[in-house]
Structures are given as structure tokens and as C-alpha cells.
Amino acid sequence: LRRNYKQAHQSLRDAMKEDLTKDGL
């Protein structure tokens, strides 16, 4: 369960980072 959470959390951070940087921020 910890590993599943860590993988999901990493995917979330990656998606957020991509969203915030897509307009050159």
C-alpha cells in the first residue's frame, strides 16, 4: 500500500509540474 501510494503521489507531482510549466512558468 505504501508503494502504491508513492507511485500515485509521484504521478500527481509530475502532472502538476507539467501543468504549471506548460505556459513557460
mmCIF file of all heavy atoms, coordinates in Angstrom:
data_MODEL
# 
_entry.id   MODEL 
# 
loop_
_atom_site.group_PDB 
_atom_site.id 
_atom_site.type_symbol 
_atom_site.label_atom_id 
_atom_site.label_alt_id 
_atom_site.label_comp_id 
_atom_site.label_asym_id 
_atom_site.label_entity_id 
_atom_site.label_seq_id 
_atom_site.pdbx_PDB_ins_code 
_atom_site.Cartn_x 
_atom_site.Cartn_y 
_atom_site.Cartn_z 
_atom_site.occupancy 
_atom_site.B_iso_or_equiv 
_atom_site.pdbx_formal_charge 
_atom_site.auth_seq_id 
_atom_site.auth_comp_id 
_atom_site.auth_asym_id 
_atom_site.auth_atom_id 
_atom_site.pdbx_PDB_model_num 
ATOM 1   N N   . LEU A 1 1  ? 0.826  -1.212 0.000   1.00 0.00 ? 1  LEU A N   1 
ATOM 2   C CA  . LEU A 1 1  ? 0.000  0.000  0.000   1.00 0.00 ? 1  LEU A CA  1 
ATOM 3   C C   . LEU A 1 1  ? 0.861  1.264  0.000   1.00 0.00 ? 1  LEU A C   1 
ATOM 4   O O   . LEU A 1 1  ? 0.527  2.253  -0.663  1.00 0.00 ? 1  LEU A O   1 
ATOM 5   C CB  . LEU A 1 1  ? -0.945 -0.009 1.207   1.00 0.00 ? 1  LEU A CB  1 
ATOM 6   C CG  . LEU A 1 1  ? -2.050 -1.072 1.163   1.00 0.00 ? 1  LEU A CG  1 
ATOM 7   C CD1 . LEU A 1 1  ? -2.774 -1.155 2.503   1.00 0.00 ? 1  LEU A CD1 1 
ATOM 8   C CD2 . LEU A 1 1  ? -3.015 -0.792 0.024   1.00 0.00 ? 1  LEU A CD2 1 
ATOM 9   N N   . ARG A 1 2  ? 1.967  1.238  0.722   1.00 0.00 ? 2  ARG A N   1 
ATOM 10  C CA  . ARG A 1 2  ? 2.888  2.389  0.712   1.00 0.00 ? 2  ARG A CA  1 
ATOM 11  C C   . ARG A 1 2  ? 3.478  2.609  -0.672  1.00 0.00 ? 2  ARG A C   1 
ATOM 12  O O   . ARG A 1 2  ? 3.575  3.737  -1.154  1.00 0.00 ? 2  ARG A O   1 
ATOM 13  C CB  . ARG A 1 2  ? 4.018  2.178  1.725   1.00 0.00 ? 2  ARG A CB  1 
ATOM 14  C CG  . ARG A 1 2  ? 3.645  2.592  3.124   1.00 0.00 ? 2  ARG A CG  1 
ATOM 15  C CD  . ARG A 1 2  ? 4.810  2.587  4.069   1.00 0.00 ? 2  ARG A CD  1 
ATOM 16  N NE  . ARG A 1 2  ? 5.919  3.370  3.542   1.00 0.00 ? 2  ARG A NE  1 
ATOM 17  C CZ  . ARG A 1 2  ? 7.188  3.146  3.832   1.00 0.00 ? 2  ARG A CZ  1 
ATOM 18  N NH1 . ARG A 1 2  ? 7.523  2.166  4.643   1.00 0.00 ? 2  ARG A NH1 1 
ATOM 19  N NH2 . ARG A 1 2  ? 8.136  3.895  3.342   1.00 0.00 ? 2  ARG A NH2 1 
ATOM 20  N N   . ARG A 1 3  ? 3.885  1.526  -1.317  1.00 0.00 ? 3  ARG A N   1 
ATOM 21  C CA  . ARG A 1 3  ? 4.448  1.642  -2.669  1.00 0.00 ? 3  ARG A CA  1 
ATOM 22  C C   . ARG A 1 3  ? 3.398  2.176  -3.647  1.00 0.00 ? 3  ARG A C   1 
ATOM 23  O O   . ARG A 1 3  ? 3.702  3.038  -4.478  1.00 0.00 ? 3  ARG A O   1 
ATOM 24  C CB  . ARG A 1 3  ? 4.994  0.297  -3.149  1.00 0.00 ? 3  ARG A CB  1 
ATOM 25  C CG  . ARG A 1 3  ? 6.344  -0.048 -2.563  1.00 0.00 ? 3  ARG A CG  1 
ATOM 26  C CD  . ARG A 1 3  ? 6.944  -1.286 -3.222  1.00 0.00 ? 3  ARG A CD  1 
ATOM 27  N NE  . ARG A 1 3  ? 6.079  -2.460 -3.134  1.00 0.00 ? 3  ARG A NE  1 
ATOM 28  C CZ  . ARG A 1 3  ? 5.999  -3.269 -2.084  1.00 0.00 ? 3  ARG A CZ  1 
ATOM 29  N NH1 . ARG A 1 3  ? 6.727  -3.034 -1.019  1.00 0.00 ? 3  ARG A NH1 1 
ATOM 30  N NH2 . ARG A 1 3  ? 5.202  -4.328 -2.105  1.00 0.00 ? 3  ARG A NH2 1 
ATOM 31  N N   . ASN A 1 4  ? 2.176  1.671  -3.557  1.00 0.00 ? 4  ASN A N   1 
ATOM 32  C CA  . ASN A 1 4  ? 1.095  2.155  -4.428  1.00 0.00 ? 4  ASN A CA  1 
ATOM 33  C C   . ASN A 1 4  ? 0.850  3.642  -4.225  1.00 0.00 ? 4  ASN A C   1 
ATOM 34  O O   . ASN A 1 4  ? 0.663  4.394  -5.179  1.00 0.00 ? 4  ASN A O   1 
ATOM 35  C CB  . ASN A 1 4  ? -0.202 1.381  -4.173  1.00 0.00 ? 4  ASN A CB  1 
ATOM 36  C CG  . ASN A 1 4  ? -0.131 -0.051 -4.640  1.00 0.00 ? 4  ASN A CG  1 
ATOM 37  O OD1 . ASN A 1 4  ? 0.777  -0.440 -5.369  1.00 0.00 ? 4  ASN A OD1 1 
ATOM 38  N ND2 . ASN A 1 4  ? -1.081 -0.850 -4.202  1.00 0.00 ? 4  ASN A ND2 1 
ATOM 39  N N   . TYR A 1 5  ? 0.859  4.061  -2.969  1.00 0.00 ? 5  TYR A N   1 
ATOM 40  C CA  . TYR A 1 5  ? 0.666  5.476  -2.657  1.00 0.00 ? 5  TYR A CA  1 
ATOM 41  C C   . TYR A 1 5  ? 1.822  6.305  -3.233  1.00 0.00 ? 5  TYR A C   1 
ATOM 42  O O   . TYR A 1 5  ? 1.595  7.342  -3.870  1.00 0.00 ? 5  TYR A O   1 
ATOM 43  C CB  . TYR A 1 5  ? 0.560  5.705  -1.139  1.00 0.00 ? 5  TYR A CB  1 
ATOM 44  C CG  . TYR A 1 5  ? 0.667  7.156  -0.802  1.00 0.00 ? 5  TYR A CG  1 
ATOM 45  C CD1 . TYR A 1 5  ? -0.432 7.999  -0.952  1.00 0.00 ? 5  TYR A CD1 1 
ATOM 46  C CD2 . TYR A 1 5  ? 1.874  7.709  -0.390  1.00 0.00 ? 5  TYR A CD2 1 
ATOM 47  C CE1 . TYR A 1 5  ? -0.325 9.355  -0.685  1.00 0.00 ? 5  TYR A CE1 1 
ATOM 48  C CE2 . TYR A 1 5  ? 1.980  9.050  -0.118  1.00 0.00 ? 5  TYR A CE2 1 
ATOM 49  C CZ  . TYR A 1 5  ? 0.885  9.867  -0.263  1.00 0.00 ? 5  TYR A CZ  1 
ATOM 50  O OH  . TYR A 1 5  ? 1.005  11.210 -0.013  1.00 0.00 ? 5  TYR A OH  1 
ATOM 51  N N   . LYS A 1 6  ? 3.054  5.863  -3.026  1.00 0.00 ? 6  LYS A N   1 
ATOM 52  C CA  . LYS A 1 6  ? 4.212  6.617  -3.510  1.00 0.00 ? 6  LYS A CA  1 
ATOM 53  C C   . LYS A 1 6  ? 4.188  6.772  -5.023  1.00 0.00 ? 6  LYS A C   1 
ATOM 54  O O   . LYS A 1 6  ? 4.507  7.838  -5.553  1.00 0.00 ? 6  LYS A O   1 
ATOM 55  C CB  . LYS A 1 6  ? 5.516  5.944  -3.053  1.00 0.00 ? 6  LYS A CB  1 
ATOM 56  C CG  . LYS A 1 6  ? 5.817  6.166  -1.589  1.00 0.00 ? 6  LYS A CG  1 
ATOM 57  C CD  . LYS A 1 6  ? 7.050  5.415  -1.155  1.00 0.00 ? 6  LYS A CD  1 
ATOM 58  C CE  . LYS A 1 6  ? 8.256  6.240  -1.452  1.00 0.00 ? 6  LYS A CE  1 
ATOM 59  N NZ  . LYS A 1 6  ? 9.502  5.687  -0.887  1.00 0.00 ? 6  LYS A NZ  1 
ATOM 60  N N   . GLN A 1 7  ? 3.796  5.709  -5.729  1.00 0.00 ? 7  GLN A N   1 
ATOM 61  C CA  . GLN A 1 7  ? 3.715  5.788  -7.186  1.00 0.00 ? 7  GLN A CA  1 
ATOM 62  C C   . GLN A 1 7  ? 2.636  6.775  -7.622  1.00 0.00 ? 7  GLN A C   1 
ATOM 63  O O   . GLN A 1 7  ? 2.853  7.591  -8.523  1.00 0.00 ? 7  GLN A O   1 
ATOM 64  C CB  . GLN A 1 7  ? 3.429  4.409  -7.781  1.00 0.00 ? 7  GLN A CB  1 
ATOM 65  C CG  . GLN A 1 7  ? 4.593  3.454  -7.688  1.00 0.00 ? 7  GLN A CG  1 
ATOM 66  C CD  . GLN A 1 7  ? 4.205  2.038  -8.094  1.00 0.00 ? 7  GLN A CD  1 
ATOM 67  O OE1 . GLN A 1 7  ? 3.028  1.698  -8.232  1.00 0.00 ? 7  GLN A OE1 1 
ATOM 68  N NE2 . GLN A 1 7  ? 5.216  1.195  -8.267  1.00 0.00 ? 7  GLN A NE2 1 
ATOM 69  N N   . ALA A 1 8  ? 1.484  6.707  -6.993  1.00 0.00 ? 8  ALA A N   1 
ATOM 70  C CA  . ALA A 1 8  ? 0.391  7.629  -7.329  1.00 0.00 ? 8  ALA A CA  1 
ATOM 71  C C   . ALA A 1 8  ? 0.788  9.067  -7.002  1.00 0.00 ? 8  ALA A C   1 
ATOM 72  O O   . ALA A 1 8  ? 0.510  9.992  -7.781  1.00 0.00 ? 8  ALA A O   1 
ATOM 73  C CB  . ALA A 1 8  ? -0.883 7.238  -6.578  1.00 0.00 ? 8  ALA A CB  1 
ATOM 74  N N   . HIS A 1 9  ? 1.453  9.252  -5.871  1.00 0.00 ? 9  HIS A N   1 
ATOM 75  C CA  . HIS A 1 9  ? 1.878  10.595 -5.454  1.00 0.00 ? 9  HIS A CA  1 
ATOM 76  C C   . HIS A 1 9  ? 2.909  11.158 -6.434  1.00 0.00 ? 9  HIS A C   1 
ATOM 77  O O   . HIS A 1 9  ? 2.862  12.352 -6.772  1.00 0.00 ? 9  HIS A O   1 
ATOM 78  C CB  . HIS A 1 9  ? 2.438  10.529 -4.033  1.00 0.00 ? 9  HIS A CB  1 
ATOM 79  C CG  . HIS A 1 9  ? 2.628  11.858 -3.411  1.00 0.00 ? 9  HIS A CG  1 
ATOM 80  N ND1 . HIS A 1 9  ? 3.867  12.433 -3.272  1.00 0.00 ? 9  HIS A ND1 1 
ATOM 81  C CD2 . HIS A 1 9  ? 1.739  12.745 -2.900  1.00 0.00 ? 9  HIS A CD2 1 
ATOM 82  C CE1 . HIS A 1 9  ? 3.736  13.605 -2.694  1.00 0.00 ? 9  HIS A CE1 1 
ATOM 83  N NE2 . HIS A 1 9  ? 2.465  13.822 -2.454  1.00 0.00 ? 9  HIS A NE2 1 
ATOM 84  N N   . GLN A 1 10 ? 3.825  10.331 -6.893  1.00 0.00 ? 10 GLN A N   1 
ATOM 85  C CA  . GLN A 1 10 ? 4.821  10.789 -7.867  1.00 0.00 ? 10 GLN A CA  1 
ATOM 86  C C   . GLN A 1 10 ? 4.148  11.169 -9.178  1.00 0.00 ? 10 GLN A C   1 
ATOM 87  O O   . GLN A 1 10 ? 4.485  12.194 -9.784  1.00 0.00 ? 10 GLN A O   1 
ATOM 88  C CB  . GLN A 1 10 ? 5.889  9.713  -8.110  1.00 0.00 ? 10 GLN A CB  1 
ATOM 89  C CG  . GLN A 1 10 ? 6.987  10.148 -9.058  1.00 0.00 ? 10 GLN A CG  1 
ATOM 90  C CD  . GLN A 1 10 ? 7.774  11.335 -8.520  1.00 0.00 ? 10 GLN A CD  1 
ATOM 91  O OE1 . GLN A 1 10 ? 8.261  11.304 -7.398  1.00 0.00 ? 10 GLN A OE1 1 
ATOM 92  N NE2 . GLN A 1 10 ? 7.908  12.383 -9.311  1.00 0.00 ? 10 GLN A NE2 1 
ATOM 93  N N   . SER A 1 11 ? 3.182  10.390 -9.619  1.00 0.00 ? 11 SER A N   1 
ATOM 94  C CA  . SER A 1 11 ? 2.438  10.716 -10.841 1.00 0.00 ? 11 SER A CA  1 
ATOM 95  C C   . SER A 1 11 ? 1.693  12.041 -10.688 1.00 0.00 ? 11 SER A C   1 
ATOM 96  O O   . SER A 1 11 ? 1.635  12.843 -11.616 1.00 0.00 ? 11 SER A O   1 
ATOM 97  C CB  . SER A 1 11 ? 1.439  9.616  -11.178 1.00 0.00 ? 11 SER A CB  1 
ATOM 98  O OG  . SER A 1 11 ? 2.102  8.428  -11.488 1.00 0.00 ? 11 SER A OG  1 
ATOM 99  N N   . LEU A 1 12 ? 1.144  12.267 -9.511  1.00 0.00 ? 12 LEU A N   1 
ATOM 100 C CA  . LEU A 1 12 ? 0.451  13.522 -9.239  1.00 0.00 ? 12 LEU A CA  1 
ATOM 101 C C   . LEU A 1 12 ? 1.408  14.704 -9.315  1.00 0.00 ? 12 LEU A C   1 
ATOM 102 O O   . LEU A 1 12 ? 1.118  15.709 -9.971  1.00 0.00 ? 12 LEU A O   1 
ATOM 103 C CB  . LEU A 1 12 ? -0.213 13.471 -7.863  1.00 0.00 ? 12 LEU A CB  1 
ATOM 104 C CG  . LEU A 1 12 ? -0.816 14.782 -7.350  1.00 0.00 ? 12 LEU A CG  1 
ATOM 105 C CD1 . LEU A 1 12 ? -1.937 15.249 -8.262  1.00 0.00 ? 12 LEU A CD1 1 
ATOM 106 C CD2 . LEU A 1 12 ? -1.295 14.612 -5.921  1.00 0.00 ? 12 LEU A CD2 1 
ATOM 107 N N   . ARG A 1 13 ? 2.558  14.588 -8.671  1.00 0.00 ? 13 ARG A N   1 
ATOM 108 C CA  . ARG A 1 13 ? 3.532  15.689 -8.705  1.00 0.00 ? 13 ARG A CA  1 
ATOM 109 C C   . ARG A 1 13 ? 4.012  15.959 -10.128 1.00 0.00 ? 13 ARG A C   1 
ATOM 110 O O   . ARG A 1 13 ? 4.162  17.113 -10.529 1.00 0.00 ? 13 ARG A O   1 
ATOM 111 C CB  . ARG A 1 13 ? 4.705  15.380 -7.778  1.00 0.00 ? 13 ARG A CB  1 
ATOM 112 C CG  . ARG A 1 13 ? 4.319  15.439 -6.310  1.00 0.00 ? 13 ARG A CG  1 
ATOM 113 C CD  . ARG A 1 13 ? 5.502  15.442 -5.352  1.00 0.00 ? 13 ARG A CD  1 
ATOM 114 N NE  . ARG A 1 13 ? 6.616  14.618 -5.727  1.00 0.00 ? 13 ARG A NE  1 
ATOM 115 C CZ  . ARG A 1 13 ? 6.839  13.379 -5.291  1.00 0.00 ? 13 ARG A CZ  1 
ATOM 116 N NH1 . ARG A 1 13 ? 5.986  12.804 -4.471  1.00 0.00 ? 13 ARG A NH1 1 
ATOM 117 N NH2 . ARG A 1 13 ? 7.899  12.712 -5.668  1.00 0.00 ? 13 ARG A NH2 1 
ATOM 118 N N   . ASP A 1 14 ? 4.217  14.903 -10.887 1.00 0.00 ? 14 ASP A N   1 
ATOM 119 C CA  . ASP A 1 14 ? 4.639  15.071 -12.276 1.00 0.00 ? 14 ASP A CA  1 
ATOM 120 C C   . ASP A 1 14 ? 3.564  15.791 -13.099 1.00 0.00 ? 14 ASP A C   1 
ATOM 121 O O   . ASP A 1 14 ? 3.868  16.691 -13.888 1.00 0.00 ? 14 ASP A O   1 
ATOM 122 C CB  . ASP A 1 14 ? 4.957  13.715 -12.920 1.00 0.00 ? 14 ASP A CB  1 
ATOM 123 C CG  . ASP A 1 14 ? 6.197  13.059 -12.347 1.00 0.00 ? 14 ASP A CG  1 
ATOM 124 O OD1 . ASP A 1 14 ? 6.994  13.742 -11.661 1.00 0.00 ? 14 ASP A OD1 1 
ATOM 125 O OD2 . ASP A 1 14 ? 6.362  11.837 -12.556 1.00 0.00 ? 14 ASP A OD2 1 
ATOM 126 N N   . ALA A 1 15 ? 2.306  15.385 -12.916 1.00 0.00 ? 15 ALA A N   1 
ATOM 127 C CA  . ALA A 1 15 ? 1.202  16.016 -13.656 1.00 0.00 ? 15 ALA A CA  1 
ATOM 128 C C   . ALA A 1 15 ? 1.052  17.487 -13.266 1.00 0.00 ? 15 ALA A C   1 
ATOM 129 O O   . ALA A 1 15 ? 0.834  18.348 -14.131 1.00 0.00 ? 15 ALA A O   1 
ATOM 130 C CB  . ALA A 1 15 ? -0.102 15.260 -13.401 1.00 0.00 ? 15 ALA A CB  1 
ATOM 131 N N   . MET A 1 16 ? 1.170  17.771 -11.987 1.00 0.00 ? 16 MET A N   1 
ATOM 132 C CA  . MET A 1 16 ? 1.066  19.160 -11.524 1.00 0.00 ? 16 MET A CA  1 
ATOM 133 C C   . MET A 1 16 ? 2.205  20.011 -12.073 1.00 0.00 ? 16 MET A C   1 
ATOM 134 O O   . MET A 1 16 ? 1.984  21.130 -12.549 1.00 0.00 ? 16 MET A O   1 
ATOM 135 C CB  . MET A 1 16 ? 1.067  19.223 -9.996  1.00 0.00 ? 16 MET A CB  1 
ATOM 136 C CG  . MET A 1 16 ? -0.199 18.760 -9.363  1.00 0.00 ? 16 MET A CG  1 
ATOM 137 S SD  . MET A 1 16 ? -0.039 18.771 -7.557  1.00 0.00 ? 16 MET A SD  1 
ATOM 138 C CE  . MET A 1 16 ? -1.736 18.527 -7.076  1.00 0.00 ? 16 MET A CE  1 
ATOM 139 N N   . LYS A 1 17 ? 3.398  19.464 -12.023 1.00 0.00 ? 17 LYS A N   1 
ATOM 140 C CA  . LYS A 1 17 ? 4.562  20.203 -12.523 1.00 0.00 ? 17 LYS A CA  1 
ATOM 141 C C   . LYS A 1 17 ? 4.416  20.482 -14.015 1.00 0.00 ? 17 LYS A C   1 
ATOM 142 O O   . LYS A 1 17 ? 4.681  21.590 -14.475 1.00 0.00 ? 17 LYS A O   1 
ATOM 143 C CB  . LYS A 1 17 ? 5.838  19.410 -12.247 1.00 0.00 ? 17 LYS A CB  1 
ATOM 144 C CG  . LYS A 1 17 ? 7.095  20.161 -12.573 1.00 0.00 ? 17 LYS A CG  1 
ATOM 145 C CD  . LYS A 1 17 ? 8.309  19.372 -12.134 1.00 0.00 ? 17 LYS A CD  1 
ATOM 146 C CE  . LYS A 1 17 ? 9.560  20.162 -12.352 1.00 0.00 ? 17 LYS A CE  1 
ATOM 147 N NZ  . LYS A 1 17 ? 10.752 19.449 -11.886 1.00 0.00 ? 17 LYS A NZ  1 
ATOM 148 N N   . GLU A 1 18 ? 3.969  19.491 -14.770 1.00 0.00 ? 18 GLU A N   1 
ATOM 149 C CA  . GLU A 1 18 ? 3.763  19.678 -16.209 1.00 0.00 ? 18 GLU A CA  1 
ATOM 150 C C   . GLU A 1 18 ? 2.716  20.760 -16.468 1.00 0.00 ? 18 GLU A C   1 
ATOM 151 O O   . GLU A 1 18 ? 2.886  21.611 -17.338 1.00 0.00 ? 18 GLU A O   1 
ATOM 152 C CB  . GLU A 1 18 ? 3.334  18.371 -16.848 1.00 0.00 ? 18 GLU A CB  1 
ATOM 153 C CG  . GLU A 1 18 ? 3.092  18.480 -18.334 1.00 0.00 ? 18 GLU A CG  1 
ATOM 154 C CD  . GLU A 1 18 ? 2.574  17.180 -18.922 1.00 0.00 ? 18 GLU A CD  1 
ATOM 155 O OE1 . GLU A 1 18 ? 3.050  16.114 -18.528 1.00 0.00 ? 18 GLU A OE1 1 
ATOM 156 O OE2 . GLU A 1 18 ? 1.673  17.256 -19.783 1.00 0.00 ? 18 GLU A OE2 1 
ATOM 157 N N   . ASP A 1 19 ? 1.629  20.724 -15.706 1.00 0.00 ? 19 ASP A N   1 
ATOM 158 C CA  . ASP A 1 19 ? 0.570  21.713 -15.884 1.00 0.00 ? 19 ASP A CA  1 
ATOM 159 C C   . ASP A 1 19 ? 1.072  23.119 -15.575 1.00 0.00 ? 19 ASP A C   1 
ATOM 160 O O   . ASP A 1 19 ? 0.754  24.068 -16.298 1.00 0.00 ? 19 ASP A O   1 
ATOM 161 C CB  . ASP A 1 19 ? -0.630 21.374 -15.007 1.00 0.00 ? 19 ASP A CB  1 
ATOM 162 C CG  . ASP A 1 19 ? -1.769 22.351 -15.189 1.00 0.00 ? 19 ASP A CG  1 
ATOM 163 O OD1 . ASP A 1 19 ? -2.054 22.728 -16.342 1.00 0.00 ? 19 ASP A OD1 1 
ATOM 164 O OD2 . ASP A 1 19 ? -2.378 22.747 -14.176 1.00 0.00 ? 19 ASP A OD2 1 
ATOM 165 N N   . LEU A 1 20 ? 1.854  23.260 -14.528 1.00 0.00 ? 20 LEU A N   1 
ATOM 166 C CA  . LEU A 1 20 ? 2.322  24.591 -14.131 1.00 0.00 ? 20 LEU A CA  1 
ATOM 167 C C   . LEU A 1 20 ? 3.434  25.125 -15.023 1.00 0.00 ? 20 LEU A C   1 
ATOM 168 O O   . LEU A 1 20 ? 3.646  26.335 -15.090 1.00 0.00 ? 20 LEU A O   1 
ATOM 169 C CB  . LEU A 1 20 ? 2.792  24.577 -12.676 1.00 0.00 ? 20 LEU A CB  1 
ATOM 170 C CG  . LEU A 1 20 ? 1.684  24.390 -11.640 1.00 0.00 ? 20 LEU A CG  1 
ATOM 171 C CD1 . LEU A 1 20 ? 2.292  24.235 -10.246 1.00 0.00 ? 20 LEU A CD1 1 
ATOM 172 C CD2 . LEU A 1 20 ? 0.692  25.538 -11.687 1.00 0.00 ? 20 LEU A CD2 1 
ATOM 173 N N   . THR A 1 21 ? 4.134  24.247 -15.726 1.00 0.00 ? 21 THR A N   1 
ATOM 174 C CA  . THR A 1 21 ? 5.230  24.708 -16.578 1.00 0.00 ? 21 THR A CA  1 
ATOM 175 C C   . THR A 1 21 ? 4.878  24.756 -18.052 1.00 0.00 ? 21 THR A C   1 
ATOM 176 O O   . THR A 1 21 ? 5.680  25.203 -18.856 1.00 0.00 ? 21 THR A O   1 
ATOM 177 C CB  . THR A 1 21 ? 6.482  23.817 -16.401 1.00 0.00 ? 21 THR A CB  1 
ATOM 178 O OG1 . THR A 1 21 ? 6.149  22.474 -16.707 1.00 0.00 ? 21 THR A OG1 1 
ATOM 179 C CG2 . THR A 1 21 ? 7.018  23.914 -14.985 1.00 0.00 ? 21 THR A CG2 1 
ATOM 180 N N   . LYS A 1 22 ? 3.680  24.315 -18.421 1.00 0.00 ? 22 LYS A N   1 
ATOM 181 C CA  . LYS A 1 22 ? 3.345  24.244 -19.844 1.00 0.00 ? 22 LYS A CA  1 
ATOM 182 C C   . LYS A 1 22 ? 3.252  25.619 -20.510 1.00 0.00 ? 22 LYS A C   1 
ATOM 183 O O   . LYS A 1 22 ? 3.446  25.746 -21.696 1.00 0.00 ? 22 LYS A O   1 
ATOM 184 C CB  . LYS A 1 22 ? 2.058  23.466 -20.061 1.00 0.00 ? 22 LYS A CB  1 
ATOM 185 C CG  . LYS A 1 22 ? 0.807  24.175 -19.654 1.00 0.00 ? 22 LYS A CG  1 
ATOM 186 C CD  . LYS A 1 22 ? -0.406 23.339 -19.912 1.00 0.00 ? 22 LYS A CD  1 
ATOM 187 C CE  . LYS A 1 22 ? -1.618 24.058 -19.384 1.00 0.00 ? 22 LYS A CE  1 
ATOM 188 N NZ  . LYS A 1 22 ? -2.779 23.251 -19.417 1.00 0.00 ? 22 LYS A NZ  1 
ATOM 189 N N   . ASP A 1 23 ? 2.971  26.670 -19.743 1.00 0.00 ? 23 ASP A N   1 
ATOM 190 C CA  . ASP A 1 23 ? 2.888  28.013 -20.292 1.00 0.00 ? 23 ASP A CA  1 
ATOM 191 C C   . ASP A 1 23 ? 4.174  28.800 -20.071 1.00 0.00 ? 23 ASP A C   1 
ATOM 192 O O   . ASP A 1 23 ? 4.176  30.023 -20.096 1.00 0.00 ? 23 ASP A O   1 
ATOM 193 C CB  . ASP A 1 23 ? 1.717  28.766 -19.677 1.00 0.00 ? 23 ASP A CB  1 
ATOM 194 C CG  . ASP A 1 23 ? 0.385  28.240 -20.163 1.00 0.00 ? 23 ASP A CG  1 
ATOM 195 O OD1 . ASP A 1 23 ? 0.336  27.751 -21.308 1.00 0.00 ? 23 ASP A OD1 1 
ATOM 196 O OD2 . ASP A 1 23 ? -0.599 28.302 -19.405 1.00 0.00 ? 23 ASP A OD2 1 
ATOM 197 N N   . GLY A 1 24 ? 5.263  28.070 -19.819 1.00 0.00 ? 24 GLY A N   1 
ATOM 198 C CA  . GLY A 1 24 ? 6.554  28.737 -19.677 1.00 0.00 ? 24 GLY A CA  1 
ATOM 199 C C   . GLY A 1 24 ? 6.795  29.337 -18.318 1.00 0.00 ? 24 GLY A C   1 
ATOM 200 O O   . GLY A 1 24 ? 7.628  30.214 -18.176 1.00 0.00 ? 24 GLY A O   1 
ATOM 201 N N   . LEU A 1 25 ? 6.101  28.864 -17.303 1.00 0.00 ? 25 LEU A N   1 
ATOM 202 C CA  . LEU A 1 25 ? 6.317  29.387 -15.953 1.00 0.00 ? 25 LEU A CA  1 
ATOM 203 C C   . LEU A 1 25 ? 7.431  28.675 -15.270 1.00 0.00 ? 25 LEU A C   1 
ATOM 204 O O   . LEU A 1 25 ? 7.742  27.584 -15.486 1.00 0.00 ? 25 LEU A O   1 
ATOM 205 C CB  . LEU A 1 25 ? 5.033  29.276 -15.138 1.00 0.00 ? 25 LEU A CB  1 
ATOM 206 C CG  . LEU A 1 25 ? 3.875  30.099 -15.656 1.00 0.00 ? 25 LEU A CG  1 
ATOM 207 C CD1 . LEU A 1 25 ? 2.632  29.821 -14.823 1.00 0.00 ? 25 LEU A CD1 1 
ATOM 208 C CD2 . LEU A 1 25 ? 4.198  31.562 -15.598 1.00 0.00 ? 25 LEU A CD2 1 
# 
